Amino acid sequence: YPEMNFVLLHRVPLIKGKSARESLEEQGLWNEYKGKFPFNPTRFDDQSLYVSNEQMTNDADLAYFGVISIGTPPQSFTVIFDTGSSNLWIPSVYCSSAACANHKRFNPSLSSTFKNAGKSLSIRYGTGSMTGFEGFDTVVVGGIPVKNQIFGLSQSEAPFMAHMKADGILGLAYPRLAASQATPVFDNMMTQHLVNQDMFSVYLTRNSAVGSMVTFGGVDTNHYSGQIAWIPLSSQMYWQITVDSVTVNGQIVACNGGCQAIVDTGTSNIVGPQADISSMARAVGAHSANGDNVVNCNNINNMPSMVFHIHGQAFTLPASTYVRQSTYYGCRTGLQSSSSDLWILGDIFIRQYYSIFSRAQNMVGLALAR
């Protein structure tokens, strides 16, 4: 019974650590940094995206990461499991940027299975960029050894990356989004028949540092309650779906007539067009201060829910889920505006709704997290 090997789900525990923003706030550097490296999720507007430059949002509030290993013998790295990008990359010993100095660096000469791909790689971020070259090696994710996985070895990284807790990024979106036509890790898992079902799912804890999980090959029934709502993708590049409207107190406040959104573990907030985000902020009683939509911490229990209407179902975010409390800056909503029409449903949404990413059906499944 060879198929018996595959009934196990492969789980990667994620650690919820301090975000770059929290570290910078602690050091009193947030305002200075925010001015220098404005968050700019323009990855959607750039047509060159389809050729080589992948635009990614890595925002300052990102806090979840897990451990993978690369090479023989294995070298371990923490990575952000990012459904909003498709490349795997980590810092290399050939990188002397500040961001590499304070992170683990891969040394290809210590791995007997490493092969140089002879290709350069450049990935642009909301807050900077990384450049480097590509190689092939065995990558172990959740106990699954993926052979001949192409990945990026950074040679230079933008200054902002020095404040990221994770060493690198593991992209889980579609191949079309990959810079340098690199095959994504999950595509290799599928073609090498390493997963029972061609899907993976993400559970993010609200407060506790431990318990968050990416599950490869299926769904973990311990992490949701009720039915799974299956939503067909509107485009197979990001995990992109159609949202019909956003309401507060029964009134449409955003996305009137429908809009496109991506379910993105690599972004922490809810991101949308400026006019819509302002309208949502007003509807829940937030006011703008210092670039954030700020609320009175004492009012959280009286603030209304936001409801995202998707594929005939209502997905409700109570105020307790979309308001963030900062030790230094009071309470703010996790609403962020961008210059793009494409919405991002980030970790705020995924914490409330267990998210299943099915390549077999090209659908996203959402169920109430528990």
Protein backbone atom coordinates (compact mmCIF):
# COMPACT_ATOMS: atom_id res chain seq x y z
CA TYR A 1 0.00 0.00 0.00
CA PRO A 2 2.42 2.71 -1.12
CA GLU A 3 -0.23 5.43 -0.88
CA MET A 4 -0.35 4.94 2.89
CA ASN A 5 2.72 7.19 3.17
CA PHE A 6 0.73 10.18 2.10
CA VAL A 7 -2.28 10.18 4.38
CA LEU A 8 -0.32 12.18 6.93
CA LEU A 9 -0.72 15.92 6.84
CA HIS A 10 2.56 17.78 6.83
CA ARG A 11 2.43 20.59 9.34
CA VAL A 12 4.81 23.50 9.64
CA PRO A 13 4.38 25.33 12.95
CA LEU A 14 4.67 29.11 12.63
CA ILE A 15 6.07 31.32 15.36
CA LYS A 16 4.37 34.65 15.94
CA GLY A 17 7.27 36.97 16.69
CA LYS A 18 7.78 40.70 16.96
CA SER A 19 7.07 42.51 13.73
CA ALA A 20 9.54 45.02 12.26
CA ARG A 21 7.15 47.79 13.28
CA GLU A 22 7.09 46.62 16.91
CA SER A 23 10.90 46.45 17.04
CA LEU A 24 11.21 49.91 15.49
CA GLU A 25 8.57 51.38 17.83
CA GLU A 26 10.48 49.98 20.80
CA GLN A 27 13.63 51.70 19.61
CA GLY A 28 11.74 54.94 18.91
CA LEU A 29 12.61 54.66 15.20
CA TRP A 30 9.23 53.91 13.64
CA ASN A 31 8.34 57.43 12.48
CA GLU A 32 11.74 57.96 10.89
CA TYR A 33 11.63 54.59 9.14
CA LYS A 34 8.06 55.02 7.98
CA GLY A 35 9.11 58.19 6.15
CA LYS A 36 12.15 56.55 4.60
CA PHE A 37 10.47 53.32 3.51
CA PRO A 38 6.81 54.00 2.83
CA PHE A 39 4.75 50.86 2.37
CA ASN A 40 3.88 50.80 -1.28
CA PRO A 41 2.14 47.68 -2.53
CA THR A 42 2.48 48.60 -6.19
CA ARG A 43 3.22 45.04 -7.18
CA PHE A 44 -0.03 44.88 -9.09
CA ASP A 45 0.48 47.78 -11.45
CA ASP A 46 3.74 46.79 -13.02
CA GLN A 47 3.46 44.92 -16.30
CA SER A 48 7.15 43.97 -16.20
CA LEU A 49 6.02 41.70 -13.37
CA TYR A 50 5.28 39.01 -15.93
CA VAL A 51 8.85 39.04 -17.13
CA SER A 52 11.29 39.15 -14.29
CA ASN A 53 10.58 41.62 -11.55
CA GLU A 54 8.20 40.30 -9.02
CA GLN A 55 6.71 43.02 -6.88
CA MET A 56 5.93 41.88 -3.39
CA THR A 57 4.47 43.52 -0.35
CA ASN A 58 6.41 42.73 2.75
CA ASP A 59 4.94 45.01 5.31
CA ALA A 60 6.27 46.17 8.64
CA ASP A 61 3.55 44.42 10.67
CA LEU A 62 4.32 40.93 9.42
CA ALA A 63 4.92 38.57 12.32
CA TYR A 64 4.48 34.89 11.39
CA PHE A 65 7.32 32.66 10.22
CA GLY A 66 8.31 28.99 10.15
CA VAL A 67 11.48 26.94 9.75
CA ILE A 68 12.69 25.14 6.62
CA SER A 69 16.06 23.62 5.79
CA ILE A 70 18.11 23.68 2.61
CA GLY A 71 21.02 21.52 1.51
CA THR A 72 22.91 18.38 2.54
CA PRO A 73 23.60 18.44 5.46
CA PRO A 74 20.62 20.74 6.17
CA GLN A 75 21.06 24.45 6.91
CA SER A 76 18.00 25.92 8.69
CA PHE A 77 16.22 29.22 7.98
CA THR A 78 13.09 31.00 9.15
CA VAL A 79 10.85 32.10 6.29
CA ILE A 80 7.56 33.89 5.80
CA PHE A 81 5.09 31.55 4.06
CA ASP A 82 3.70 34.06 1.59
CA THR A 83 0.64 33.34 -0.58
CA GLY A 84 1.21 36.73 -2.26
CA SER A 85 4.44 35.74 -4.03
CA SER A 86 5.94 32.67 -5.69
CA ASN A 87 9.71 32.62 -5.17
CA LEU A 88 11.76 31.04 -2.41
CA TRP A 89 14.82 33.00 -1.41
CA ILE A 90 17.16 33.24 1.57
CA PRO A 91 20.28 35.29 2.40
CA SER A 92 23.59 33.86 1.22
CA VAL A 93 27.17 34.10 2.47
CA TYR A 94 27.89 36.26 -0.60
CA CYS A 95 25.72 39.05 0.80
CA SER A 96 27.24 41.79 2.92
CA SER A 97 24.16 44.04 3.33
CA ALA A 98 23.18 44.91 6.90
CA ALA A 99 20.05 42.81 6.39
CA CYS A 100 22.21 39.74 5.72
CA ALA A 101 24.58 40.40 8.60
CA ASN A 102 21.81 39.94 11.16
CA HIS A 103 20.20 36.90 9.52
CA LYS A 104 21.25 33.33 8.81
CA ARG A 105 23.07 32.93 5.50
CA PHE A 106 23.16 29.89 3.24
CA ASN A 107 26.60 28.59 2.32
CA PRO A 108 26.30 26.58 -0.93
CA SER A 109 29.85 25.24 -0.66
CA LEU A 110 28.82 23.31 2.47
CA SER A 111 26.02 21.46 0.64
CA SER A 112 26.85 18.36 -1.41
CA THR A 113 23.54 18.59 -3.30
CA PHE A 114 23.73 22.28 -4.34
CA LYS A 115 23.82 23.17 -8.05
CA ASN A 116 24.20 26.70 -9.41
CA ALA A 117 21.38 27.57 -11.82
CA GLY A 118 23.50 30.21 -13.56
CA LYS A 119 20.70 32.80 -13.45
CA SER A 120 20.40 36.09 -11.64
CA LEU A 121 17.33 37.11 -9.67
CA SER A 122 15.91 40.47 -8.68
CA ILE A 123 12.81 40.89 -6.57
CA ARG A 124 11.31 44.25 -5.65
CA TYR A 125 9.38 44.80 -2.47
CA GLY A 126 7.03 47.39 -1.10
CA THR A 127 9.95 48.55 1.00
CA GLY A 128 13.04 47.79 -1.06
CA SER A 129 14.53 44.91 -3.02
CA MET A 130 16.78 41.90 -3.03
CA THR A 131 19.15 40.82 -5.79
CA GLY A 132 21.08 37.61 -6.09
CA PHE A 133 21.40 34.40 -8.09
CA GLU A 134 19.53 31.13 -8.29
CA GLY A 135 20.51 27.62 -7.31
CA PHE A 136 18.98 24.15 -6.94
CA ASP A 137 19.04 22.07 -3.77
CA THR A 138 16.95 19.84 -1.52
CA VAL A 139 14.52 21.93 0.52
CA VAL A 140 12.78 20.32 3.50
CA VAL A 141 9.43 21.85 4.42
CA GLY A 142 7.31 20.29 7.18
CA GLY A 143 9.35 17.11 6.96
CA ILE A 144 8.82 16.89 3.17
CA PRO A 145 12.09 16.74 1.20
CA VAL A 146 11.59 18.61 -2.09
CA LYS A 147 14.37 17.63 -4.50
CA ASN A 148 16.01 20.02 -6.98
CA GLN A 149 14.08 23.04 -5.73
CA ILE A 150 15.16 26.29 -7.37
CA PHE A 151 15.67 29.15 -4.91
CA GLY A 152 17.26 32.56 -4.72
CA LEU A 153 20.47 33.29 -2.81
CA SER A 154 20.60 36.97 -1.99
CA GLN A 155 23.73 39.02 -2.66
CA SER A 156 22.20 42.34 -1.62
CA GLU A 157 19.11 43.26 0.39
CA ALA A 158 17.33 46.54 1.06
CA PRO A 159 18.00 48.18 4.45
CA PHE A 160 14.45 47.56 5.66
CA MET A 161 15.02 43.79 5.57
CA ALA A 162 17.38 44.14 8.53
CA HIS A 163 14.30 44.73 10.70
CA MET A 164 12.45 41.63 9.48
CA LYS A 165 12.58 38.74 11.92
CA ALA A 166 12.49 36.06 9.21
CA ASP A 167 15.56 35.23 7.14
CA GLY A 168 13.72 34.82 3.83
CA ILE A 169 10.45 34.22 2.04
CA LEU A 170 8.75 31.11 0.70
CA GLY A 171 6.18 32.03 -1.94
CA LEU A 172 3.00 29.96 -2.29
CA ALA A 173 1.23 31.72 -5.18
CA TYR A 174 1.01 30.52 -8.80
CA PRO A 175 3.99 29.95 -11.15
CA ARG A 176 2.88 32.86 -13.36
CA LEU A 177 3.92 35.23 -10.58
CA ALA A 178 7.42 33.80 -10.13
CA ALA A 179 10.42 35.99 -10.94
CA SER A 180 12.85 34.35 -13.41
CA GLN A 181 10.27 31.63 -14.18
CA ALA A 182 11.36 29.77 -11.04
CA THR A 183 9.21 26.75 -10.15
CA PRO A 184 7.47 27.41 -6.80
CA VAL A 185 8.00 25.00 -3.90
CA PHE A 186 4.39 23.78 -3.83
CA ASP A 187 4.44 23.06 -7.58
CA ASN A 188 7.39 20.75 -7.00
CA MET A 189 5.58 19.13 -4.06
CA MET A 190 2.69 18.37 -6.43
CA THR A 191 4.76 17.08 -9.36
CA GLN A 192 6.98 14.98 -7.05
CA HIS A 193 3.77 13.52 -5.49
CA LEU A 194 4.79 14.58 -1.99
CA VAL A 195 1.32 15.70 -0.88
CA ASN A 196 -1.88 13.68 -0.54
CA GLN A 197 -4.07 16.46 -1.96
CA ASP A 198 -2.96 19.44 -4.04
CA MET A 199 -3.85 21.97 -1.38
CA PHE A 200 -2.43 23.63 1.69
CA SER A 201 -4.11 25.55 4.48
CA VAL A 202 -3.16 28.30 6.91
CA TYR A 203 -4.17 28.85 10.53
CA LEU A 204 -2.99 32.03 12.28
CA THR A 205 -3.37 32.48 16.04
CA ARG A 206 -4.74 35.73 17.40
CA ASN A 207 -2.53 36.38 20.40
CA SER A 208 -0.42 33.44 21.35
CA ALA A 209 3.10 33.18 20.00
CA VAL A 210 2.65 29.48 19.22
CA GLY A 211 -0.06 27.45 17.50
CA SER A 212 -0.12 29.03 14.02
CA MET A 213 0.29 26.44 11.30
CA VAL A 214 0.68 25.87 7.56
CA THR A 215 -0.62 22.42 6.64
CA PHE A 216 0.53 20.93 3.34
CA GLY A 217 -1.57 18.26 1.61
CA GLY A 218 -4.94 18.91 3.19
CA VAL A 219 -7.08 20.55 5.84
CA ASP A 220 -6.67 20.40 9.61
CA THR A 221 -10.18 19.98 11.03
CA ASN A 222 -8.99 21.05 14.51
CA HIS A 223 -8.60 24.61 13.34
CA TYR A 224 -12.05 25.57 12.07
CA SER A 225 -15.71 25.11 12.85
CA GLY A 226 -18.79 24.95 10.61
CA GLN A 227 -18.80 24.66 6.85
CA ILE A 228 -16.03 25.56 4.42
CA ALA A 229 -17.14 28.15 1.86
CA TRP A 230 -15.41 27.38 -1.45
CA ILE A 231 -14.75 30.43 -3.62
CA PRO A 232 -13.55 30.06 -7.22
CA LEU A 233 -10.52 32.13 -8.18
CA SER A 234 -11.07 34.96 -10.63
CA SER A 235 -7.42 34.80 -11.76
CA GLN A 236 -4.68 32.22 -11.26
CA MET A 237 -1.62 34.26 -10.42
CA TYR A 238 -2.27 35.49 -6.92
CA TRP A 239 -4.95 33.69 -4.88
CA GLN A 240 -7.44 36.17 -6.31
CA ILE A 241 -11.19 36.22 -5.71
CA THR A 242 -14.14 38.52 -6.38
CA VAL A 243 -15.59 40.42 -3.41
CA ASP A 244 -19.16 41.63 -4.01
CA SER A 245 -19.24 44.44 -1.44
CA VAL A 246 -18.12 45.54 2.02
CA THR A 247 -20.77 46.66 4.50
CA VAL A 248 -20.82 48.24 7.95
CA ASN A 249 -24.17 48.32 9.81
CA GLY A 250 -25.90 47.02 6.69
CA GLN A 251 -24.71 49.91 4.48
CA ILE A 252 -22.29 49.42 1.58
CA VAL A 253 -19.17 51.40 2.51
CA ALA A 254 -16.64 50.00 0.02
CA CYS A 255 -16.23 47.78 -3.03
CA ASN A 256 -19.59 48.93 -4.39
CA GLY A 257 -20.45 46.85 -7.47
CA GLY A 258 -17.67 44.35 -6.69
CA CYS A 259 -13.88 44.33 -6.54
CA GLN A 260 -10.92 42.00 -6.87
CA ALA A 261 -9.02 40.83 -3.77
CA ILE A 262 -6.13 38.52 -3.01
CA VAL A 263 -5.90 36.33 0.08
CA ASP A 264 -2.36 37.11 1.18
CA THR A 265 -0.56 35.65 4.20
CA GLY A 266 2.38 37.93 3.34
CA THR A 267 0.47 41.11 4.21
CA SER A 268 -0.76 41.76 7.72
CA ASN A 269 -3.56 44.26 7.09
CA ILE A 270 -6.63 44.80 4.95
CA VAL A 271 -5.43 46.92 2.03
CA GLY A 272 -7.63 48.69 -0.52
CA PRO A 273 -8.05 51.84 -2.64
CA GLN A 274 -7.74 55.08 -0.69
CA ALA A 275 -11.35 56.28 -1.08
CA ASP A 276 -12.75 52.90 0.01
CA ILE A 277 -10.41 52.55 2.99
CA SER A 278 -11.25 56.10 4.16
CA SER A 279 -14.95 55.29 3.85
CA MET A 280 -14.55 52.10 5.92
CA ALA A 281 -12.48 53.92 8.54
CA ARG A 282 -15.14 56.65 8.86
CA ALA A 283 -17.89 54.04 9.11
CA VAL A 284 -16.22 52.34 12.08
CA GLY A 285 -15.38 55.63 13.79
CA ALA A 286 -11.64 55.89 13.11
CA HIS A 287 -9.81 59.14 12.40
CA SER A 288 -6.56 59.63 10.53
CA ALA A 289 -3.42 60.45 12.53
CA ASN A 290 0.23 59.98 11.69
CA GLY A 291 -0.64 57.86 8.65
CA ASP A 292 -2.77 55.40 10.64
CA ASN A 293 -6.53 55.08 11.10
CA VAL A 294 -6.69 55.60 14.87
CA VAL A 295 -9.44 54.66 17.33
CA ASN A 296 -10.01 55.11 21.05
CA CYS A 297 -8.95 51.88 22.80
CA ASN A 298 -11.92 52.18 25.19
CA ASN A 299 -14.41 52.10 22.30
CA ILE A 300 -13.48 48.75 20.78
CA ASN A 301 -16.43 46.88 22.30
CA ASN A 302 -18.89 49.43 20.85
CA MET A 303 -17.43 49.56 17.35
CA PRO A 304 -19.29 47.87 14.47
CA SER A 305 -18.17 44.81 12.51
CA MET A 306 -16.99 44.98 8.90
CA VAL A 307 -18.66 42.47 6.62
CA PHE A 308 -17.06 41.22 3.40
CA HIS A 309 -19.66 39.74 1.04
CA ILE A 310 -18.00 37.06 -1.08
CA HIS A 311 -19.63 34.50 -3.40
CA GLY A 312 -23.02 34.86 -1.70
CA GLN A 313 -21.69 34.55 1.85
CA ALA A 314 -20.96 37.08 4.58
CA PHE A 315 -17.54 37.11 6.25
CA THR A 316 -17.66 39.21 9.39
CA LEU A 317 -14.71 40.91 11.08
CA PRO A 318 -15.61 42.18 14.56
CA ALA A 319 -13.74 45.24 15.87
CA SER A 320 -11.64 43.01 18.14
CA THR A 321 -10.13 41.45 14.99
CA TYR A 322 -9.41 44.59 12.95
CA VAL A 323 -8.14 46.90 15.73
CA ARG A 324 -4.48 46.58 16.71
CA GLN A 325 -3.21 47.71 20.06
CA SER A 326 0.33 49.03 20.14
CA THR A 327 2.31 49.54 23.31
CA TYR A 328 3.55 52.90 22.04
CA TYR A 329 0.91 54.31 19.70
CA GLY A 330 -2.48 53.41 21.16
CA CYS A 331 -5.08 51.66 19.00
CA ARG A 332 -5.29 51.70 15.22
CA THR A 333 -7.30 49.81 12.65
CA GLY A 334 -5.57 47.36 10.36
CA LEU A 335 -6.91 49.27 7.35
CA GLN A 336 -4.32 50.49 4.88
CA SER A 337 -4.75 52.32 1.61
CA SER A 338 -2.83 51.76 -1.61
CA SER A 339 -2.86 53.19 -5.11
CA SER A 340 -4.06 49.89 -6.58
CA ASP A 341 -7.60 48.69 -7.28
CA LEU A 342 -6.65 45.23 -6.07
CA TRP A 343 -7.62 44.61 -2.45
CA ILE A 344 -5.49 42.54 -0.08
CA LEU A 345 -7.12 40.37 2.57
CA GLY A 346 -4.14 39.89 4.87
CA ASP A 347 -3.53 38.29 8.26
CA ILE A 348 -6.35 40.22 9.96
CA PHE A 349 -8.79 38.35 7.72
CA ILE A 350 -6.95 35.00 7.85
CA ARG A 351 -6.85 35.00 11.67
CA GLN A 352 -10.66 35.08 11.62
CA TYR A 353 -11.10 32.70 8.66
CA TYR A 354 -9.05 29.53 8.31
CA SER A 355 -7.85 29.68 4.71
CA ILE A 356 -7.50 26.70 2.38
CA PHE A 357 -5.63 27.14 -0.90
CA SER A 358 -6.63 24.46 -3.42
CA ARG A 359 -4.52 24.10 -6.55
CA ALA A 360 -6.56 21.01 -7.50
CA GLN A 361 -9.76 23.09 -7.78
CA ASN A 362 -8.27 26.59 -8.18
CA MET A 363 -10.36 27.75 -5.26
CA VAL A 364 -9.92 29.34 -1.86
CA GLY A 365 -11.81 27.74 1.04
CA LEU A 366 -12.74 29.90 4.04
CA ALA A 367 -14.10 28.63 7.37
CA LEU A 368 -14.45 30.25 10.77
CA ALA A 369 -11.13 29.74 12.58
CA ARG A 370 -11.06 28.30 16.08
